[in-house]
Amino acid sequence: MAIHKLLVDEFYDEAYSLLAIHCDLEDYRLAYLLNQFLNINLKRDKADLDFEYTSASYSIYEWEDKEHETMWSLVSNICKKEEDSLVSTGSLFDASSKVIKIYNLIPEYKRVNYFLKIENDNSNLDIKHIINSIQKIPQVVTIYDVDTTTLKSKNNLIFN
């Protein structure tokens, strides 16, 4: 009896581009500026992107361009949480303190503030034009295209 082996990666070859954005803006302000400069309509999702295992949540803005069959997603990469610090039981003082822990959606890119994921089955998307348009935003420090084939945590980019 012959054994047939199917590789999921061959069937799940989603066509998307991922842009890394470095800027110190709040998420709603960046979404507003992207809407202005790219002529899109990003809106905040009702629920944040949550991960149970790290107790971290990331804001996400999405827009579906039905005319061009494109899905735009702006997601924050950094989540800062205030947590209780570990206190050893043998200490002289019984004071608990708080520490701020930082979690990243994509740990390979810790310094990136936001990711712009553009899903498009057609390959008629001009990424260089999009990058040039975003670079015109004065508050954006830098933006670049991320090679998604080398990402170890690409499963974190599955939003739906």
N, C-alpha and C. Protein backbone atom coordinates (compact mmCIF):
# COMPACT_ATOMS: atom_id res chain seq x y z
N MET A 1 0.84 -1.18 0.00
CA MET A 1 0.00 0.00 0.00
C MET A 1 0.89 1.25 0.00
N ALA A 2 0.64 2.15 -0.91
CA ALA A 2 1.45 3.37 -1.03
C ALA A 2 0.98 4.42 -0.02
N ILE A 3 1.93 5.13 0.53
CA ILE A 3 1.63 6.21 1.47
C ILE A 3 1.75 7.54 0.74
N HIS A 4 0.71 8.34 0.82
CA HIS A 4 0.71 9.66 0.20
C HIS A 4 0.89 10.70 1.28
N LYS A 5 1.85 11.55 1.08
CA LYS A 5 2.18 12.58 2.05
C LYS A 5 1.88 13.95 1.44
N LEU A 6 1.04 14.74 2.10
CA LEU A 6 0.72 16.08 1.64
C LEU A 6 1.41 17.10 2.52
N LEU A 7 2.04 18.07 1.89
CA LEU A 7 2.67 19.14 2.64
C LEU A 7 1.75 20.34 2.66
N VAL A 8 1.45 20.82 3.84
CA VAL A 8 0.52 21.93 3.99
C VAL A 8 1.10 23.20 3.39
N ASP A 9 2.40 23.39 3.48
CA ASP A 9 3.03 24.61 2.97
C ASP A 9 2.84 24.79 1.47
N GLU A 10 2.71 23.68 0.74
CA GLU A 10 2.51 23.78 -0.70
C GLU A 10 1.13 24.33 -1.03
N PHE A 11 0.14 24.01 -0.19
CA PHE A 11 -1.22 24.48 -0.43
C PHE A 11 -1.47 25.84 0.17
N TYR A 12 -0.78 26.14 1.25
CA TYR A 12 -1.00 27.41 1.94
C TYR A 12 0.10 28.38 1.57
N ASP A 13 0.09 28.81 0.34
CA ASP A 13 1.05 29.79 -0.14
C ASP A 13 0.31 31.10 -0.35
N GLU A 14 0.04 31.78 0.76
CA GLU A 14 -0.74 33.01 0.71
C GLU A 14 0.10 34.13 0.11
N ALA A 15 -0.51 34.87 -0.79
CA ALA A 15 0.18 35.97 -1.44
C ALA A 15 -0.04 37.24 -0.64
N TYR A 16 0.99 37.67 0.07
CA TYR A 16 0.91 38.93 0.80
C TYR A 16 2.29 39.57 0.89
N SER A 17 2.25 40.87 1.09
CA SER A 17 3.47 41.63 1.31
C SER A 17 3.43 42.13 2.75
N LEU A 18 4.60 42.22 3.35
CA LEU A 18 4.69 42.67 4.73
C LEU A 18 5.68 43.82 4.80
N LEU A 19 5.20 44.97 5.27
CA LEU A 19 6.04 46.15 5.39
C LEU A 19 6.26 46.45 6.87
N ALA A 20 7.50 46.67 7.24
CA ALA A 20 7.86 47.02 8.62
C ALA A 20 7.95 48.54 8.72
N ILE A 21 7.27 49.10 9.71
CA ILE A 21 7.23 50.56 9.88
C ILE A 21 7.83 50.92 11.24
N HIS A 22 8.81 51.81 11.20
CA HIS A 22 9.41 52.35 12.42
C HIS A 22 8.90 53.77 12.62
N CYS A 23 8.16 54.00 13.70
CA CYS A 23 7.70 55.35 14.04
C CYS A 23 7.19 55.33 15.47
N ASP A 24 7.14 56.51 16.09
CA ASP A 24 6.72 56.62 17.48
C ASP A 24 5.29 57.11 17.64
N LEU A 25 4.52 57.07 16.57
CA LEU A 25 3.13 57.53 16.62
C LEU A 25 2.25 56.52 17.34
N GLU A 26 1.13 57.00 17.87
CA GLU A 26 0.11 56.10 18.38
C GLU A 26 -0.53 55.39 17.19
N ASP A 27 -1.12 54.23 17.44
CA ASP A 27 -1.66 53.42 16.35
C ASP A 27 -2.78 54.13 15.59
N TYR A 28 -3.66 54.82 16.30
CA TYR A 28 -4.76 55.50 15.61
C TYR A 28 -4.26 56.65 14.74
N ARG A 29 -3.20 57.31 15.17
CA ARG A 29 -2.65 58.43 14.39
C ARG A 29 -1.96 57.91 13.12
N LEU A 30 -1.23 56.81 13.25
CA LEU A 30 -0.58 56.22 12.07
C LEU A 30 -1.62 55.72 11.08
N ALA A 31 -2.69 55.09 11.58
CA ALA A 31 -3.76 54.62 10.68
C ALA A 31 -4.39 55.79 9.94
N TYR A 32 -4.60 56.91 10.63
CA TYR A 32 -5.17 58.10 10.00
C TYR A 32 -4.25 58.62 8.89
N LEU A 33 -2.95 58.70 9.19
CA LEU A 33 -2.00 59.21 8.19
C LEU A 33 -1.86 58.25 7.00
N LEU A 34 -1.89 56.96 7.26
CA LEU A 34 -1.84 55.99 6.15
C LEU A 34 -3.07 56.13 5.27
N ASN A 35 -4.22 56.35 5.90
CA ASN A 35 -5.45 56.57 5.11
C ASN A 35 -5.31 57.80 4.22
N GLN A 36 -4.70 58.85 4.74
CA GLN A 36 -4.54 60.09 3.98
C GLN A 36 -3.54 59.93 2.84
N PHE A 37 -2.39 59.34 3.12
CA PHE A 37 -1.31 59.27 2.14
C PHE A 37 -1.49 58.16 1.11
N LEU A 38 -2.21 57.08 1.47
CA LEU A 38 -2.39 55.95 0.55
C LEU A 38 -3.79 55.90 -0.05
N ASN A 39 -4.66 56.78 0.39
CA ASN A 39 -6.04 56.81 -0.07
C ASN A 39 -6.73 55.46 0.19
N ILE A 40 -6.59 54.99 1.45
CA ILE A 40 -7.24 53.76 1.89
C ILE A 40 -8.18 54.11 3.04
N ASN A 41 -8.79 53.11 3.66
CA ASN A 41 -9.77 53.36 4.71
C ASN A 41 -9.62 52.36 5.85
N LEU A 42 -8.47 52.37 6.51
CA LEU A 42 -8.23 51.48 7.64
C LEU A 42 -9.15 51.86 8.80
N LYS A 43 -9.73 50.83 9.43
CA LYS A 43 -10.58 51.04 10.60
C LYS A 43 -10.18 50.05 11.68
N ARG A 44 -10.29 50.49 12.92
CA ARG A 44 -9.91 49.64 14.05
C ARG A 44 -10.90 48.48 14.18
N ASP A 45 -10.36 47.29 14.37
CA ASP A 45 -11.21 46.13 14.63
C ASP A 45 -11.81 46.24 16.03
N LYS A 46 -12.94 45.60 16.21
CA LYS A 46 -13.60 45.65 17.52
C LYS A 46 -12.78 44.95 18.58
N ALA A 47 -12.06 43.91 18.21
CA ALA A 47 -11.25 43.16 19.16
C ALA A 47 -9.78 43.23 18.75
N ASP A 48 -8.93 43.34 19.74
CA ASP A 48 -7.50 43.33 19.48
C ASP A 48 -7.05 41.90 19.17
N LEU A 49 -5.87 41.81 18.61
CA LEU A 49 -5.27 40.52 18.33
C LEU A 49 -4.67 40.01 19.63
N ASP A 50 -5.21 38.92 20.18
CA ASP A 50 -4.79 38.41 21.49
C ASP A 50 -4.06 37.10 21.35
N PHE A 51 -3.06 36.94 22.20
CA PHE A 51 -2.37 35.67 22.30
C PHE A 51 -2.41 35.23 23.75
N GLU A 52 -3.04 34.09 23.99
CA GLU A 52 -3.25 33.59 25.35
C GLU A 52 -1.94 33.25 26.06
N TYR A 53 -0.99 32.69 25.32
CA TYR A 53 0.20 32.19 25.98
C TYR A 53 1.11 33.30 26.50
N THR A 54 1.02 34.50 25.98
CA THR A 54 1.84 35.60 26.50
C THR A 54 1.00 36.67 27.17
N SER A 55 -0.31 36.51 27.14
CA SER A 55 -1.23 37.52 27.68
C SER A 55 -0.99 38.89 27.07
N ALA A 56 -0.63 38.91 25.82
CA ALA A 56 -0.38 40.16 25.11
C ALA A 56 -1.47 40.41 24.09
N SER A 57 -1.78 41.68 23.87
CA SER A 57 -2.76 42.03 22.84
C SER A 57 -2.18 43.13 21.97
N TYR A 58 -2.52 43.08 20.69
CA TYR A 58 -1.98 44.01 19.71
C TYR A 58 -3.13 44.65 18.96
N SER A 59 -3.08 45.97 18.82
CA SER A 59 -4.13 46.67 18.09
C SER A 59 -4.02 46.34 16.60
N ILE A 60 -5.18 46.27 15.96
CA ILE A 60 -5.20 45.92 14.54
C ILE A 60 -6.25 46.76 13.83
N TYR A 61 -5.85 47.29 12.67
CA TYR A 61 -6.72 48.08 11.81
C TYR A 61 -6.78 47.36 10.47
N GLU A 62 -7.99 47.24 9.91
CA GLU A 62 -8.13 46.52 8.65
C GLU A 62 -9.03 47.27 7.68
N TRP A 63 -8.83 46.97 6.40
CA TRP A 63 -9.69 47.49 5.34
C TRP A 63 -9.64 46.52 4.17
N GLU A 64 -10.81 46.17 3.68
CA GLU A 64 -10.90 45.29 2.52
C GLU A 64 -11.25 46.12 1.29
N ASP A 65 -10.34 46.16 0.35
CA ASP A 65 -10.55 46.87 -0.92
C ASP A 65 -11.15 45.86 -1.90
N LYS A 66 -12.46 45.88 -2.01
CA LYS A 66 -13.15 44.90 -2.86
C LYS A 66 -12.89 45.13 -4.34
N GLU A 67 -12.65 46.37 -4.71
CA GLU A 67 -12.40 46.69 -6.11
C GLU A 67 -11.12 46.04 -6.61
N HIS A 68 -10.06 46.07 -5.80
CA HIS A 68 -8.77 45.50 -6.20
C HIS A 68 -8.50 44.15 -5.55
N GLU A 69 -9.50 43.61 -4.81
CA GLU A 69 -9.36 42.34 -4.12
C GLU A 69 -8.13 42.31 -3.23
N THR A 70 -8.03 43.32 -2.37
CA THR A 70 -6.88 43.48 -1.50
C THR A 70 -7.35 43.67 -0.06
N MET A 71 -6.65 43.04 0.86
CA MET A 71 -6.93 43.21 2.29
C MET A 71 -5.73 43.88 2.94
N TRP A 72 -5.98 45.04 3.56
CA TRP A 72 -4.94 45.82 4.23
C TRP A 72 -5.08 45.62 5.74
N SER A 73 -3.97 45.33 6.42
CA SER A 73 -3.99 45.16 7.87
C SER A 73 -2.79 45.88 8.47
N LEU A 74 -3.07 46.78 9.40
CA LEU A 74 -2.03 47.46 10.16
C LEU A 74 -2.09 46.90 11.58
N VAL A 75 -0.99 46.31 12.03
CA VAL A 75 -0.97 45.69 13.35
C VAL A 75 0.26 46.18 14.11
N SER A 76 0.07 46.45 15.39
CA SER A 76 1.21 46.86 16.20
C SER A 76 2.08 45.65 16.50
N ASN A 77 3.36 45.87 16.65
CA ASN A 77 4.30 44.80 16.92
C ASN A 77 4.69 44.76 18.38
N ILE A 78 4.42 45.82 19.12
CA ILE A 78 4.88 45.94 20.49
C ILE A 78 3.69 46.03 21.43
N CYS A 79 3.72 45.22 22.48
CA CYS A 79 2.72 45.27 23.54
C CYS A 79 3.46 45.44 24.86
N LYS A 80 3.15 46.51 25.57
CA LYS A 80 3.76 46.76 26.88
C LYS A 80 2.72 46.48 27.96
N LYS A 81 3.10 45.62 28.91
CA LYS A 81 2.21 45.23 29.99
C LYS A 81 2.89 45.46 31.32
N GLU A 82 2.13 45.99 32.26
CA GLU A 82 2.64 46.17 33.62
C GLU A 82 2.29 44.92 34.42
N GLU A 83 3.32 44.29 34.97
CA GLU A 83 3.12 43.04 35.71
C GLU A 83 3.86 43.11 37.04
N ASP A 84 3.44 42.25 37.95
CA ASP A 84 4.12 42.16 39.25
C ASP A 84 5.48 41.51 39.04
N SER A 85 6.48 42.05 39.73
CA SER A 85 7.81 41.47 39.61
C SER A 85 7.93 40.29 40.56
N LEU A 86 8.84 39.40 40.24
CA LEU A 86 9.09 38.26 41.10
C LEU A 86 9.89 38.69 42.31
N VAL A 87 9.40 38.36 43.49
CA VAL A 87 10.08 38.72 44.73
C VAL A 87 10.48 37.43 45.41
N SER A 88 11.74 37.35 45.81
CA SER A 88 12.18 36.14 46.50
C SER A 88 11.58 36.10 47.90
N THR A 89 11.32 34.91 48.37
CA THR A 89 10.64 34.76 49.66
C THR A 89 11.56 35.06 50.83
N GLY A 90 12.85 35.04 50.63
CA GLY A 90 13.78 35.26 51.72
C GLY A 90 14.26 36.70 51.84
N SER A 91 13.57 37.64 51.23
CA SER A 91 14.04 39.02 51.29
C SER A 91 13.62 39.67 52.60
N LEU A 92 14.35 40.70 52.99
CA LEU A 92 14.05 41.42 54.23
C LEU A 92 12.81 42.28 54.10
N PHE A 93 12.55 42.78 52.90
CA PHE A 93 11.44 43.68 52.70
C PHE A 93 10.31 42.96 52.00
N ASP A 94 9.12 43.29 52.38
CA ASP A 94 7.96 42.60 51.85
C ASP A 94 7.20 43.50 50.87
N ALA A 95 7.94 44.25 50.06
CA ALA A 95 7.30 45.17 49.12
C ALA A 95 7.26 44.54 47.73
N SER A 96 6.11 44.63 47.10
CA SER A 96 6.01 44.14 45.73
C SER A 96 6.15 45.34 44.80
N SER A 97 6.76 45.10 43.68
CA SER A 97 6.94 46.19 42.72
C SER A 97 6.41 45.75 41.37
N LYS A 98 6.19 46.73 40.54
CA LYS A 98 5.69 46.48 39.20
C LYS A 98 6.82 46.67 38.20
N VAL A 99 6.79 45.84 37.16
CA VAL A 99 7.75 45.98 36.06
C VAL A 99 6.95 46.02 34.76
N ILE A 100 7.52 46.66 33.77
CA ILE A 100 6.89 46.72 32.45
C ILE A 100 7.56 45.69 31.56
N LYS A 101 6.77 44.73 31.10
CA LYS A 101 7.27 43.70 30.19
C LYS A 101 6.85 44.06 28.77
N ILE A 102 7.74 43.78 27.84
CA ILE A 102 7.48 44.07 26.43
C ILE A 102 7.39 42.76 25.66
N TYR A 103 6.28 42.61 24.94
CA TYR A 103 6.05 41.44 24.09
C TYR A 103 6.02 41.90 22.64
N ASN A 104 6.51 41.05 21.74
CA ASN A 104 6.51 41.37 20.31
C ASN A 104 5.70 40.34 19.55
N LEU A 105 4.92 40.83 18.59
CA LEU A 105 4.15 39.95 17.71
C LEU A 105 5.09 39.12 16.85
N ILE A 106 6.09 39.77 16.28
CA ILE A 106 7.14 39.11 15.49
C ILE A 106 8.46 39.33 16.22
N PRO A 107 8.90 38.36 17.03
CA PRO A 107 10.10 38.54 17.84
C PRO A 107 11.39 38.77 17.04
N GLU A 108 11.41 38.35 15.78
CA GLU A 108 12.62 38.57 14.98
C GLU A 108 12.84 40.04 14.67
N TYR A 109 11.80 40.83 14.76
CA TYR A 109 11.87 42.27 14.46
C TYR A 109 11.42 43.05 15.69
N LYS A 110 12.22 43.02 16.73
CA LYS A 110 11.85 43.65 18.00
C LYS A 110 11.77 45.16 17.93
N ARG A 111 12.52 45.79 17.06
CA ARG A 111 12.55 47.25 16.99
C ARG A 111 11.47 47.84 16.08
N VAL A 112 10.75 47.00 15.36
CA VAL A 112 9.69 47.47 14.48
C VAL A 112 8.46 47.80 15.32
N ASN A 113 7.87 48.98 15.07
CA ASN A 113 6.68 49.39 15.81
C ASN A 113 5.39 48.81 15.23
N TYR A 114 5.28 48.80 13.89
CA TYR A 114 4.06 48.34 13.22
C TYR A 114 4.40 47.53 11.99
N PHE A 115 3.47 46.65 11.63
CA PHE A 115 3.55 45.93 10.37
C PHE A 115 2.32 46.26 9.55
N LEU A 116 2.53 46.47 8.26
CA LEU A 116 1.44 46.65 7.32
C LEU A 116 1.43 45.43 6.41
N LYS A 117 0.38 44.62 6.58
CA LYS A 117 0.25 43.39 5.79
C LYS A 117 -0.76 43.67 4.67
N ILE A 118 -0.33 43.42 3.44
CA ILE A 118 -1.18 43.67 2.27
C ILE A 118 -1.37 42.34 1.55
N GLU A 119 -2.59 41.80 1.65
CA GLU A 119 -2.91 40.52 1.02
C GLU A 119 -3.54 40.80 -0.33
N ASN A 120 -2.93 40.21 -1.37
CA ASN A 120 -3.42 40.44 -2.72
C ASN A 120 -3.10 39.21 -3.55
N ASP A 121 -4.14 38.54 -4.07
CA ASP A 121 -3.92 37.36 -4.91
C ASP A 121 -3.38 37.74 -6.28
N ASN A 122 -3.79 38.89 -6.75
CA ASN A 122 -3.23 39.39 -8.02
C ASN A 122 -1.88 40.03 -7.71
N SER A 123 -1.00 39.97 -8.63
CA SER A 123 0.33 40.56 -8.39
C SER A 123 0.43 41.94 -9.03
N ASN A 124 -0.68 42.69 -9.01
CA ASN A 124 -0.67 44.02 -9.63
C ASN A 124 -0.45 45.12 -8.59
N LEU A 125 0.15 44.80 -7.49
CA LEU A 125 0.38 45.74 -6.42
C LEU A 125 1.79 46.32 -6.54
N ASP A 126 1.90 47.63 -6.52
CA ASP A 126 3.19 48.31 -6.64
C ASP A 126 3.71 48.65 -5.24
N ILE A 127 4.50 47.73 -4.68
CA ILE A 127 5.01 47.89 -3.31
C ILE A 127 5.95 49.08 -3.21
N LYS A 128 6.75 49.32 -4.23
CA LYS A 128 7.69 50.46 -4.18
C LYS A 128 6.93 51.78 -4.11
N HIS A 129 5.83 51.89 -4.83
CA HIS A 129 5.02 53.11 -4.77
C HIS A 129 4.41 53.28 -3.37
N ILE A 130 3.96 52.18 -2.78
CA ILE A 130 3.39 52.23 -1.42
C ILE A 130 4.46 52.66 -0.42
N ILE A 131 5.65 52.10 -0.53
CA ILE A 131 6.75 52.47 0.38
C ILE A 131 7.12 53.94 0.20
N ASN A 132 7.20 54.41 -1.03
CA ASN A 132 7.52 55.82 -1.27
C ASN A 132 6.45 56.74 -0.71
N SER A 133 5.19 56.34 -0.81
CA SER A 133 4.10 57.16 -0.27
C SER A 133 4.16 57.22 1.25
N ILE A 134 4.46 56.11 1.89
CA ILE A 134 4.54 56.08 3.35
C ILE A 134 5.76 56.86 3.84
N GLN A 135 6.85 56.84 3.07
CA GLN A 135 8.04 57.58 3.47
C GLN A 135 7.81 59.09 3.46
N LYS A 136 6.78 59.55 2.78
CA LYS A 136 6.46 60.97 2.76
C LYS A 136 5.80 61.44 4.05
N ILE A 137 5.36 60.50 4.89
CA ILE A 137 4.80 60.87 6.20
C ILE A 137 5.97 61.31 7.08
N PRO A 138 5.96 62.55 7.57
CA PRO A 138 7.11 63.07 8.31
C PRO A 138 7.45 62.29 9.59
N GLN A 139 6.47 61.71 10.25
CA GLN A 139 6.72 61.02 11.51
C GLN A 139 7.26 59.60 11.34
N VAL A 140 7.23 59.06 10.13
CA VAL A 140 7.74 57.71 9.88
C VAL A 140 9.25 57.79 9.71
N VAL A 141 9.97 57.06 10.56
CA VAL A 141 11.43 57.07 10.51
C VAL A 141 11.92 56.27 9.31
N THR A 142 11.44 55.04 9.19
CA THR A 142 11.83 54.20 8.06
C THR A 142 10.76 53.14 7.82
N ILE A 143 10.75 52.64 6.60
CA ILE A 143 9.83 51.56 6.21
C ILE A 143 10.56 50.69 5.21
N TYR A 144 10.35 49.38 5.30
CA TYR A 144 10.99 48.47 4.36
C TYR A 144 10.15 47.20 4.23
N ASP A 145 10.39 46.49 3.14
CA ASP A 145 9.71 45.24 2.83
C ASP A 145 10.39 44.10 3.59
N VAL A 146 9.60 43.24 4.19
CA VAL A 146 10.12 42.10 4.97
C VAL A 146 10.00 40.84 4.13
N ASP A 147 11.06 40.06 4.10
CA ASP A 147 11.04 38.78 3.40
C ASP A 147 10.30 37.77 4.27
N THR A 148 9.08 37.43 3.88
CA THR A 148 8.23 36.57 4.70
C THR A 148 8.63 35.09 4.64
N THR A 149 9.46 34.73 3.68
CA THR A 149 9.85 33.32 3.58
C THR A 149 10.81 32.93 4.69
N THR A 150 11.51 33.90 5.29
CA THR A 150 12.47 33.59 6.33
C THR A 150 11.93 33.81 7.75
N LEU A 151 10.69 34.25 7.86
CA LEU A 151 10.10 34.50 9.18
C LEU A 151 9.84 33.18 9.91
N LYS A 152 10.28 33.11 11.16
CA LYS A 152 10.01 31.93 11.97
C LYS A 152 8.63 31.99 12.60
N SER A 153 8.14 33.19 12.86
CA SER A 153 6.85 33.35 13.53
C SER A 153 5.78 33.87 12.58
N LYS A 154 5.75 33.35 11.36
CA LYS A 154 4.78 33.81 10.37
C LYS A 154 3.36 33.39 10.73
N ASN A 155 3.19 32.41 11.62
CA ASN A 155 1.85 32.03 12.06
C ASN A 155 1.17 33.14 12.84
N ASN A 156 1.93 34.06 13.42
CA ASN A 156 1.35 35.19 14.15
C ASN A 156 0.71 36.18 13.20
N LEU A 157 0.96 36.06 11.92
CA LEU A 157 0.40 36.97 10.93
C LEU A 157 -0.92 36.47 10.35
N ILE A 158 -1.43 35.37 10.86
CA ILE A 158 -2.74 34.87 10.43
C ILE A 158 -3.77 35.48 11.37
N PHE A 159 -4.51 36.46 10.85
CA PHE A 159 -5.41 37.24 11.70
C PHE A 159 -6.82 36.68 11.74
N ASN A 160 -7.28 36.07 10.69
CA ASN A 160 -8.68 35.62 10.63
C ASN A 160 -8.81 34.16 10.92
